[in-house]
């Protein structure tokens, strides 16, 4: 999903115009960027926290000449720490946005016969990347 698609979805769900959703999204991203550039942390309770940290400098290897060492300077990078609700939503078996995630006791994973076991990244089976219906179906 790209920024325009996200703005369209926000407009639809919030009952506002696409232009208003784009302005809100631009304002959100600009504000978060400015605050973390200033060294502040922006926390969206339940969703996560945006911050910045300084990655320290180090000596690396020049990819064009592996015998040559180069100095990699310290740099500031963005950091995101997922909140409790986001983590629980990703862990839940149901991906329905209307249900609230609940904590479940730890148990062994036994996939249903028509499901595949998760791979090394925790992914199971084919992933659906778009939430819109196929072109040949009407919503």
Foldseek 3Di string as FASTA:
>chain_A
DDPLVVLVVCCVVVVHDSVVSSVVVVVVVVVCVVQQVVQHWDADAQAWIKHKDKDAKDWDADPVHRVDIDIGHIDIDMDIDGHDQNVQCVVDPDVDPVDGGDDDDDDDDDDDPVWAAADPVRDTDDDDDDDDDDPVDDD
